[in-house]
Amino acid sequence: MAARPVRKTGKNSDGDITSLCDDGSSWSPVSKAQAIRDIETGTHTYYVPWTTGHTDIHVVVDSTVDGGKYLRTDRDNTAKNNLDDLPDC
């Protein structure tokens, strides 16, 4: 298992996360669906690095979203998804 840093995200026209990216990494980009599989199976973990540490990316099950699952962080302990704030890949 590898811990993969995420510094950028791909987004669709609605602003939904579609992929995770890191400049110069051989694994990047990875689709949202693949990242969800990786996290759920324990194949890889993903995290957002910050100057004060890092925040893990986890899977949220939500039947109201397309596919029933999405990726998010809880960096600041709010309902806001900090992945939306990362630059585009």
PDB file of N, CA and C in Angstrom:
ATOM      1  N   MET A   1       0.845  -1.177   0.000  1.00  0.00           N
ATOM      2  CA  MET A   1       0.000   0.000   0.000  1.00  0.00           C
ATOM      3  C   MET A   1       0.888   1.236   0.000  1.00  0.00           C
ATOM      4  N   ALA A   2       0.457   2.208  -0.783  1.00  0.00           N
ATOM      5  CA  ALA A   2       1.171   3.480  -0.834  1.00  0.00           C
ATOM      6  C   ALA A   2       0.265   4.599  -0.348  1.00  0.00           C
ATOM      7  N   ALA A   3       0.848   5.553   0.336  1.00  0.00           N
ATOM      8  CA  ALA A   3       0.130   6.764   0.736  1.00  0.00           C
ATOM      9  C   ALA A   3       0.422   7.806  -0.341  1.00  0.00           C
ATOM     10  N   ARG A   4      -0.628   8.236  -1.032  1.00  0.00           N
ATOM     11  CA  ARG A   4      -0.465   9.112  -2.178  1.00  0.00           C
ATOM     12  C   ARG A   4      -0.878  10.547  -1.856  1.00  0.00           C
ATOM     13  N   PRO A   5       0.039  11.501  -2.048  1.00  0.00           N
ATOM     14  CA  PRO A   5      -0.304  12.904  -1.803  1.00  0.00           C
ATOM     15  C   PRO A   5      -1.160  13.460  -2.936  1.00  0.00           C
ATOM     16  N   VAL A   6      -2.137  14.270  -2.599  1.00  0.00           N
ATOM     17  CA  VAL A   6      -3.025  14.894  -3.588  1.00  0.00           C
ATOM     18  C   VAL A   6      -2.893  16.406  -3.446  1.00  0.00           C
ATOM     19  N   ARG A   7      -2.438  17.050  -4.508  1.00  0.00           N
ATOM     20  CA  ARG A   7      -2.263  18.503  -4.482  1.00  0.00           C
ATOM     21  C   ARG A   7      -3.200  19.228  -5.432  1.00  0.00           C
ATOM     22  N   LYS A   8      -3.894  18.455  -6.282  1.00  0.00           N
ATOM     23  CA  LYS A   8      -4.839  19.020  -7.246  1.00  0.00           C
ATOM     24  C   LYS A   8      -6.010  18.060  -7.413  1.00  0.00           C
ATOM     25  N   THR A   9      -7.127  18.581  -7.895  1.00  0.00           N
ATOM     26  CA  THR A   9      -8.285  17.736  -8.179  1.00  0.00           C
ATOM     27  C   THR A   9      -8.889  18.114  -9.524  1.00  0.00           C
ATOM     28  N   GLY A  10      -9.399  17.086 -10.217  1.00  0.00           N
ATOM     29  CA  GLY A  10     -10.178  17.321 -11.423  1.00  0.00           C
ATOM     30  C   GLY A  10     -11.624  17.521 -11.011  1.00  0.00           C
ATOM     31  N   LYS A  11     -12.299  18.433 -11.699  1.00  0.00           N
ATOM     32  CA  LYS A  11     -13.686  18.739 -11.365  1.00  0.00           C
ATOM     33  C   LYS A  11     -14.516  18.794 -12.640  1.00  0.00           C
ATOM     34  N   ASN A  12     -15.786  18.395 -12.548  1.00  0.00           N
ATOM     35  CA  ASN A  12     -16.658  18.519 -13.709  1.00  0.00           C
ATOM     36  C   ASN A  12     -17.296  19.905 -13.729  1.00  0.00           C
ATOM     37  N   SER A  13     -18.201  20.147 -14.662  1.00  0.00           N
ATOM     38  CA  SER A  13     -18.802  21.479 -14.808  1.00  0.00           C
ATOM     39  C   SER A  13     -19.656  21.880 -13.610  1.00  0.00           C
ATOM     40  N   ASP A  14     -20.082  20.902 -12.804  1.00  0.00           N
ATOM     41  CA  ASP A  14     -20.843  21.193 -11.583  1.00  0.00           C
ATOM     42  C   ASP A  14     -19.933  21.407 -10.373  1.00  0.00           C
ATOM     43  N   GLY A  15     -18.615  21.222 -10.568  1.00  0.00           N
ATOM     44  CA  GLY A  15     -17.665  21.367  -9.465  1.00  0.00           C
ATOM     45  C   GLY A  15     -17.452  20.102  -8.666  1.00  0.00           C
ATOM     46  N   ASP A  16     -18.038  18.977  -9.111  1.00  0.00           N
ATOM     47  CA  ASP A  16     -17.857  17.703  -8.417  1.00  0.00           C
ATOM     48  C   ASP A  16     -16.473  17.135  -8.719  1.00  0.00           C
ATOM     49  N   ILE A  17     -15.848  16.524  -7.733  1.00  0.00           N
ATOM     50  CA  ILE A  17     -14.525  15.928  -7.899  1.00  0.00           C
ATOM     51  C   ILE A  17     -14.620  14.721  -8.827  1.00  0.00           C
ATOM     52  N   THR A  18     -13.764  14.705  -9.870  1.00  0.00           N
ATOM     53  CA  THR A  18     -13.745  13.595 -10.826  1.00  0.00           C
ATOM     54  C   THR A  18     -12.425  12.831 -10.807  1.00  0.00           C
ATOM     55  N   SER A  19     -11.367  13.474 -10.279  1.00  0.00           N
ATOM     56  CA  SER A  19     -10.073  12.800 -10.228  1.00  0.00           C
ATOM     57  C   SER A  19      -9.181  13.451  -9.179  1.00  0.00           C
ATOM     58  N   LEU A  20      -8.163  12.710  -8.775  1.00  0.00           N
ATOM     59  CA  LEU A  20      -7.156  13.187  -7.832  1.00  0.00           C
ATOM     60  C   LEU A  20      -5.826  13.230  -8.572  1.00  0.00           C
ATOM     61  N   CYS A  21      -5.022  14.261  -8.304  1.00  0.00           N
ATOM     62  CA  CYS A  21      -3.767  14.430  -9.038  1.00  0.00           C
ATOM     63  C   CYS A  21      -2.643  14.914  -8.121  1.00  0.00           C
ATOM     64  N   ASP A  22      -1.416  14.643  -8.559  1.00  0.00           N
ATOM     65  CA  ASP A  22      -0.218  15.171  -7.907  1.00  0.00           C
ATOM     66  C   ASP A  22       0.826  15.374  -8.980  1.00  0.00           C
ATOM     67  N   ASP A  23       1.371  16.550  -9.074  1.00  0.00           N
ATOM     68  CA  ASP A  23       2.377  16.850 -10.088  1.00  0.00           C
ATOM     69  C   ASP A  23       3.563  15.910  -9.990  1.00  0.00           C
ATOM     70  N   GLY A  24       3.913  15.295 -11.107  1.00  0.00           N
ATOM     71  CA  GLY A  24       5.110  14.482 -11.171  1.00  0.00           C
ATOM     72  C   GLY A  24       5.004  13.073 -10.607  1.00  0.00           C
ATOM     73  N   SER A  25       3.842  12.684 -10.087  1.00  0.00           N
ATOM     74  CA  SER A  25       3.691  11.330  -9.547  1.00  0.00           C
ATOM     75  C   SER A  25       3.303  10.367 -10.652  1.00  0.00           C
ATOM     76  N   SER A  26       3.887   9.183 -10.632  1.00  0.00           N
ATOM     77  CA  SER A  26       3.597   8.196 -11.675  1.00  0.00           C
ATOM     78  C   SER A  26       2.157   7.695 -11.625  1.00  0.00           C
ATOM     79  N   TRP A  27       1.500   7.816 -10.489  1.00  0.00           N
ATOM     80  CA  TRP A  27       0.116   7.333 -10.368  1.00  0.00           C
ATOM     81  C   TRP A  27      -0.914   8.365 -10.827  1.00  0.00           C
ATOM     82  N   SER A  28      -0.511   9.584 -11.004  1.00  0.00           N
ATOM     83  CA  SER A  28      -1.434  10.698 -11.241  1.00  0.00           C
ATOM     84  C   SER A  28      -1.694  10.914 -12.722  1.00  0.00           C
ATOM     85  N   PRO A  29      -2.943  11.196 -13.095  1.00  0.00           N
ATOM     86  CA  PRO A  29      -4.147  11.312 -12.265  1.00  0.00           C
ATOM     87  C   PRO A  29      -4.798   9.947 -12.045  1.00  0.00           C
ATOM     88  N   VAL A  30      -5.673   9.888 -11.054  1.00  0.00           N
ATOM     89  CA  VAL A  30      -6.462   8.690 -10.802  1.00  0.00           C
ATOM     90  C   VAL A  30      -7.929   9.135 -10.725  1.00  0.00           C
ATOM     91  N   SER A  31      -8.803   8.353 -11.310  1.00  0.00           N
ATOM     92  CA  SER A  31     -10.229   8.709 -11.327  1.00  0.00           C
ATOM     93  C   SER A  31     -10.825   8.606  -9.929  1.00  0.00           C
ATOM     94  N   LYS A  32     -11.915   9.306  -9.722  1.00  0.00           N
ATOM     95  CA  LYS A  32     -12.630   9.234  -8.449  1.00  0.00           C
ATOM     96  C   LYS A  32     -13.014   7.783  -8.148  1.00  0.00           C
ATOM     97  N   ALA A  33     -13.533   7.079  -9.147  1.00  0.00           N
ATOM     98  CA  ALA A  33     -13.961   5.684  -8.941  1.00  0.00           C
ATOM     99  C   ALA A  33     -12.796   4.805  -8.505  1.00  0.00           C
ATOM    100  N   GLN A  34     -11.627   4.979  -9.143  1.00  0.00           N
ATOM    101  CA  GLN A  34     -10.465   4.172  -8.770  1.00  0.00           C
ATOM    102  C   GLN A  34      -9.973   4.534  -7.379  1.00  0.00           C
ATOM    103  N   ALA A  35      -9.955   5.817  -7.043  1.00  0.00           N
ATOM    104  CA  ALA A  35      -9.528   6.232  -5.701  1.00  0.00           C
ATOM    105  C   ALA A  35     -10.459   5.651  -4.640  1.00  0.00           C
ATOM    106  N   ILE A  36     -11.745   5.638  -4.908  1.00  0.00           N
ATOM    107  CA  ILE A  36     -12.710   5.037  -3.966  1.00  0.00           C
ATOM    108  C   ILE A  36     -12.402   3.557  -3.780  1.00  0.00           C
ATOM    109  N   ARG A  37     -12.158   2.841  -4.889  1.00  0.00           N
ATOM    110  CA  ARG A  37     -11.814   1.407  -4.787  1.00  0.00           C
ATOM    111  C   ARG A  37     -10.522   1.217  -3.993  1.00  0.00           C
ATOM    112  N   ASP A  38      -9.514   2.036  -4.293  1.00  0.00           N
ATOM    113  CA  ASP A  38      -8.230   1.932  -3.592  1.00  0.00           C
ATOM    114  C   ASP A  38      -8.398   2.111  -2.089  1.00  0.00           C
ATOM    115  N   ILE A  39      -9.157   3.122  -1.691  1.00  0.00           N
ATOM    116  CA  ILE A  39      -9.361   3.399  -0.267  1.00  0.00           C
ATOM    117  C   ILE A  39     -10.158   2.278   0.394  1.00  0.00           C
ATOM    118  N   GLU A  40     -11.236   1.856  -0.241  1.00  0.00           N
ATOM    119  CA  GLU A  40     -12.100   0.827   0.357  1.00  0.00           C
ATOM    120  C   GLU A  40     -11.417  -0.525   0.465  1.00  0.00           C
ATOM    121  N   THR A  41     -10.537  -0.859  -0.469  1.00  0.00           N
ATOM    122  CA  THR A  41      -9.853  -2.157  -0.434  1.00  0.00           C
ATOM    123  C   THR A  41      -8.538  -2.098   0.337  1.00  0.00           C
ATOM    124  N   GLY A  42      -8.118  -0.885   0.721  1.00  0.00           N
ATOM    125  CA  GLY A  42      -6.850  -0.748   1.424  1.00  0.00           C
ATOM    126  C   GLY A  42      -5.636  -0.824   0.507  1.00  0.00           C
ATOM    127  N   THR A  43      -5.857  -0.709  -0.809  1.00  0.00           N
ATOM    128  CA  THR A  43      -4.754  -0.772  -1.769  1.00  0.00           C
ATOM    129  C   THR A  43      -3.852   0.450  -1.634  1.00  0.00           C
ATOM    130  N   HIS A  44      -4.460   1.630  -1.534  1.00  0.00           N
ATOM    131  CA  HIS A  44      -3.725   2.882  -1.357  1.00  0.00           C
ATOM    132  C   HIS A  44      -4.537   3.804  -0.461  1.00  0.00           C
ATOM    133  N   THR A  45      -3.840   4.730   0.168  1.00  0.00           N
ATOM    134  CA  THR A  45      -4.510   5.825   0.861  1.00  0.00           C
ATOM    135  C   THR A  45      -4.151   7.101   0.112  1.00  0.00           C
ATOM    136  N   TYR A  46      -4.977   8.114   0.284  1.00  0.00           N
ATOM    137  CA  TYR A  46      -4.757   9.417  -0.342  1.00  0.00           C
ATOM    138  C   TYR A  46      -4.860  10.473   0.741  1.00  0.00           C
ATOM    139  N   TYR A  47      -4.046  11.514   0.613  1.00  0.00           N
ATOM    140  CA  TYR A  47      -4.055  12.572   1.618  1.00  0.00           C
ATOM    141  C   TYR A  47      -3.679  13.898   0.977  1.00  0.00           C
ATOM    142  N   VAL A  48      -4.099  14.980   1.616  1.00  0.00           N
ATOM    143  CA  VAL A  48      -3.717  16.323   1.188  1.00  0.00           C
ATOM    144  C   VAL A  48      -2.634  16.806   2.146  1.00  0.00           C
ATOM    145  N   PRO A  49      -1.420  17.086   1.618  1.00  0.00           N
ATOM    146  CA  PRO A  49      -0.347  17.586   2.480  1.00  0.00           C
ATOM    147  C   PRO A  49      -0.521  19.086   2.755  1.00  0.00           C
ATOM    148  N   TRP A  50      -0.266  19.473   3.982  1.00  0.00           N
ATOM    149  CA  TRP A  50      -0.309  20.878   4.385  1.00  0.00           C
ATOM    150  C   TRP A  50       1.011  21.182   5.067  1.00  0.00           C
ATOM    151  N   THR A  51       1.319  22.422   5.282  1.00  0.00           N
ATOM    152  CA  THR A  51       2.567  22.776   5.968  1.00  0.00           C
ATOM    153  C   THR A  51       2.531  22.324   7.426  1.00  0.00           C
ATOM    154  N   THR A  52       1.331  22.092   7.965  1.00  0.00           N
ATOM    155  CA  THR A  52       1.188  21.684   9.368  1.00  0.00           C
ATOM    156  C   THR A  52       0.815  20.213   9.518  1.00  0.00           C
ATOM    157  N   GLY A  53       1.015  19.415   8.491  1.00  0.00           N
ATOM    158  CA  GLY A  53       0.672  17.992   8.560  1.00  0.00           C
ATOM    159  C   GLY A  53      -0.078  17.572   7.314  1.00  0.00           C
ATOM    160  N   HIS A  54      -0.985  16.625   7.465  1.00  0.00           N
ATOM    161  CA  HIS A  54      -1.776  16.204   6.311  1.00  0.00           C
ATOM    162  C   HIS A  54      -3.187  15.809   6.743  1.00  0.00           C
ATOM    163  N   THR A  55      -4.071  15.760   5.761  1.00  0.00           N
ATOM    164  CA  THR A  55      -5.460  15.389   6.001  1.00  0.00           C
ATOM    165  C   THR A  55      -5.802  14.211   5.107  1.00  0.00           C
ATOM    166  N   ASP A  56      -6.285  13.132   5.697  1.00  0.00           N
ATOM    167  CA  ASP A  56      -6.663  11.959   4.926  1.00  0.00           C
ATOM    168  C   ASP A  56      -7.911  12.227   4.099  1.00  0.00           C
ATOM    169  N   ILE A  57      -7.948  11.600   2.934  1.00  0.00           N
ATOM    170  CA  ILE A  57      -9.134  11.637   2.079  1.00  0.00           C
ATOM    171  C   ILE A  57      -9.898  10.348   2.352  1.00  0.00           C
ATOM    172  N   HIS A  58     -11.195  10.465   2.562  1.00  0.00           N
ATOM    173  CA  HIS A  58     -11.981   9.272   2.841  1.00  0.00           C
ATOM    174  C   HIS A  58     -13.225   9.227   1.957  1.00  0.00           C
ATOM    175  N   VAL A  59     -13.861   8.067   1.957  1.00  0.00           N
ATOM    176  CA  VAL A  59     -15.052   7.820   1.146  1.00  0.00           C
ATOM    177  C   VAL A  59     -16.287   8.074   1.987  1.00  0.00           C
ATOM    178  N   VAL A  60     -17.230   8.793   1.400  1.00  0.00           N
ATOM    179  CA  VAL A  60     -18.517   9.050   2.043  1.00  0.00           C
ATOM    180  C   VAL A  60     -19.586   8.344   1.218  1.00  0.00           C
ATOM    181  N   VAL A  61     -20.425   7.558   1.884  1.00  0.00           N
ATOM    182  CA  VAL A  61     -21.541   6.888   1.218  1.00  0.00           C
ATOM    183  C   VAL A  61     -22.754   7.801   1.318  1.00  0.00           C
ATOM    184  N   ASP A  62     -23.328   8.129   0.164  1.00  0.00           N
ATOM    185  CA  ASP A  62     -24.467   9.045   0.101  1.00  0.00           C
ATOM    186  C   ASP A  62     -25.322   8.665  -1.097  1.00  0.00           C
ATOM    187  N   SER A  63     -26.479   8.111  -0.848  1.00  0.00           N
ATOM    188  CA  SER A  63     -27.344   7.624  -1.922  1.00  0.00           C
ATOM    189  C   SER A  63     -27.891   8.747  -2.797  1.00  0.00           C
ATOM    190  N   THR A  64     -27.736   9.992  -2.378  1.00  0.00           N
ATOM    191  CA  THR A  64     -28.263  11.106  -3.180  1.00  0.00           C
ATOM    192  C   THR A  64     -27.289  11.585  -4.247  1.00  0.00           C
ATOM    193  N   VAL A  65     -26.053  11.066  -4.258  1.00  0.00           N
ATOM    194  CA  VAL A  65     -25.083  11.481  -5.267  1.00  0.00           C
ATOM    195  C   VAL A  65     -24.927  10.398  -6.320  1.00  0.00           C
ATOM    196  N   ASP A  66     -24.508  10.797  -7.506  1.00  0.00           N
ATOM    197  CA  ASP A  66     -24.287   9.862  -8.601  1.00  0.00           C
ATOM    198  C   ASP A  66     -23.237   8.840  -8.192  1.00  0.00           C
ATOM    199  N   GLY A  67     -23.555   7.570  -8.280  1.00  0.00           N
ATOM    200  CA  GLY A  67     -22.642   6.507  -7.889  1.00  0.00           C
ATOM    201  C   GLY A  67     -22.726   6.137  -6.424  1.00  0.00           C
ATOM    202  N   GLY A  68     -23.416   6.948  -5.631  1.00  0.00           N
ATOM    203  CA  GLY A  68     -23.646   6.633  -4.227  1.00  0.00           C
ATOM    204  C   GLY A  68     -22.484   6.879  -3.286  1.00  0.00           C
ATOM    205  N   LYS A  69     -21.342   7.360  -3.825  1.00  0.00           N
ATOM    206  CA  LYS A  69     -20.166   7.601  -2.978  1.00  0.00           C
ATOM    207  C   LYS A  69     -19.406   8.807  -3.514  1.00  0.00           C
ATOM    208  N   TYR A  70     -18.714   9.485  -2.612  1.00  0.00           N
ATOM    209  CA  TYR A  70     -17.830  10.563  -3.034  1.00  0.00           C
ATOM    210  C   TYR A  70     -16.639  10.651  -2.092  1.00  0.00           C
ATOM    211  N   LEU A  71     -15.655  11.461  -2.482  1.00  0.00           N
ATOM    212  CA  LEU A  71     -14.430  11.641  -1.710  1.00  0.00           C
ATOM    213  C   LEU A  71     -14.478  12.976  -0.989  1.00  0.00           C
ATOM    214  N   ARG A  72     -13.915  13.017   0.224  1.00  0.00           N
ATOM    215  CA  ARG A  72     -13.869  14.282   0.961  1.00  0.00           C
ATOM    216  C   ARG A  72     -12.774  14.259   2.015  1.00  0.00           C
ATOM    217  N   THR A  73     -12.483  15.446   2.524  1.00  0.00           N
ATOM    218  CA  THR A  73     -11.598  15.615   3.672  1.00  0.00           C
ATOM    219  C   THR A  73     -12.370  16.391   4.720  1.00  0.00           C
ATOM    220  N   ASP A  74     -11.861  16.406   5.912  1.00  0.00           N
ATOM    221  CA  ASP A  74     -12.445  17.198   6.995  1.00  0.00           C
ATOM    222  C   ASP A  74     -11.336  17.967   7.694  1.00  0.00           C
ATOM    223  N   ARG A  75     -10.571  18.699   6.933  1.00  0.00           N
ATOM    224  CA  ARG A  75      -9.407  19.414   7.447  1.00  0.00           C
ATOM    225  C   ARG A  75      -9.760  20.317   8.623  1.00  0.00           C
ATOM    226  N   ASP A  76     -10.849  21.060   8.488  1.00  0.00           N
ATOM    227  CA  ASP A  76     -11.175  22.058   9.501  1.00  0.00           C
ATOM    228  C   ASP A  76     -12.391  21.679  10.351  1.00  0.00           C
ATOM    229  N   ASN A  77     -12.752  20.402  10.347  1.00  0.00           N
ATOM    230  CA  ASN A  77     -13.871  19.893  11.139  1.00  0.00           C
ATOM    231  C   ASN A  77     -15.189  20.593  10.838  1.00  0.00           C
ATOM    232  N   THR A  78     -15.367  20.979   9.564  1.00  0.00           N
ATOM    233  CA  THR A  78     -16.650  21.527   9.131  1.00  0.00           C
ATOM    234  C   THR A  78     -17.215  20.622   8.051  1.00  0.00           C
ATOM    235  N   ALA A  79     -18.410  20.914   7.609  1.00  0.00           N
ATOM    236  CA  ALA A  79     -19.034  20.127   6.549  1.00  0.00           C
ATOM    237  C   ALA A  79     -18.446  20.458   5.180  1.00  0.00           C
ATOM    238  N   LYS A  80     -17.625  21.483   5.093  1.00  0.00           N
ATOM    239  CA  LYS A  80     -17.038  21.898   3.829  1.00  0.00           C
ATOM    240  C   LYS A  80     -16.024  20.860   3.354  1.00  0.00           C
ATOM    241  N   ASN A  81     -16.055  20.548   2.062  1.00  0.00           N
ATOM    242  CA  ASN A  81     -15.111  19.598   1.490  1.00  0.00           C
ATOM    243  C   ASN A  81     -13.894  20.348   0.958  1.00  0.00           C
ATOM    244  N   ASN A  82     -12.763  20.216   1.617  1.00  0.00           N
ATOM    245  CA  ASN A  82     -11.571  20.957   1.247  1.00  0.00           C
ATOM    246  C   ASN A  82     -10.972  20.526  -0.085  1.00  0.00           C
ATOM    247  N   LEU A  83     -11.353  19.380  -0.623  1.00  0.00           N
ATOM    248  CA  LEU A  83     -10.862  18.974  -1.939  1.00  0.00           C
ATOM    249  C   LEU A  83     -11.312  19.958  -3.013  1.00  0.00           C
ATOM    250  N   ASP A  84     -12.462  20.588  -2.817  1.00  0.00           N
ATOM    251  CA  ASP A  84     -12.958  21.578  -3.767  1.00  0.00           C
ATOM    252  C   ASP A  84     -12.028  22.774  -3.887  1.00  0.00           C
ATOM    253  N   ASP A  85     -11.276  23.058  -2.840  1.00  0.00           N
ATOM    254  CA  ASP A  85     -10.408  24.240  -2.812  1.00  0.00           C
ATOM    255  C   ASP A  85      -9.054  24.017  -3.464  1.00  0.00           C
ATOM    256  N   LEU A  86      -8.717  22.773  -3.797  1.00  0.00           N
ATOM    257  CA  LEU A  86      -7.423  22.496  -4.421  1.00  0.00           C
ATOM    258  C   LEU A  86      -7.447  22.973  -5.878  1.00  0.00           C
ATOM    259  N   PRO A  87      -6.270  23.334  -6.418  1.00  0.00           N
ATOM    260  CA  PRO A  87      -6.219  23.748  -7.831  1.00  0.00           C
ATOM    261  C   PRO A  87      -6.656  22.608  -8.750  1.00  0.00           C
ATOM    262  N   ASP A  88      -7.067  22.969  -9.954  1.00  0.00           N
ATOM    263  CA  ASP A  88      -7.479  21.973 -10.938  1.00  0.00           C
ATOM    264  C   ASP A  88      -6.279  21.231 -11.502  1.00  0.00           C
ATOM    265  N   CYS A  89      -6.493  19.934 -11.818  1.00  0.00           N
ATOM    266  CA  CYS A  89      -5.420  19.181 -12.484  1.00  0.00           C
ATOM    267  C   CYS A  89      -5.529  19.339 -13.985  1.00  0.00           C
TER     268      CYS A  89
END
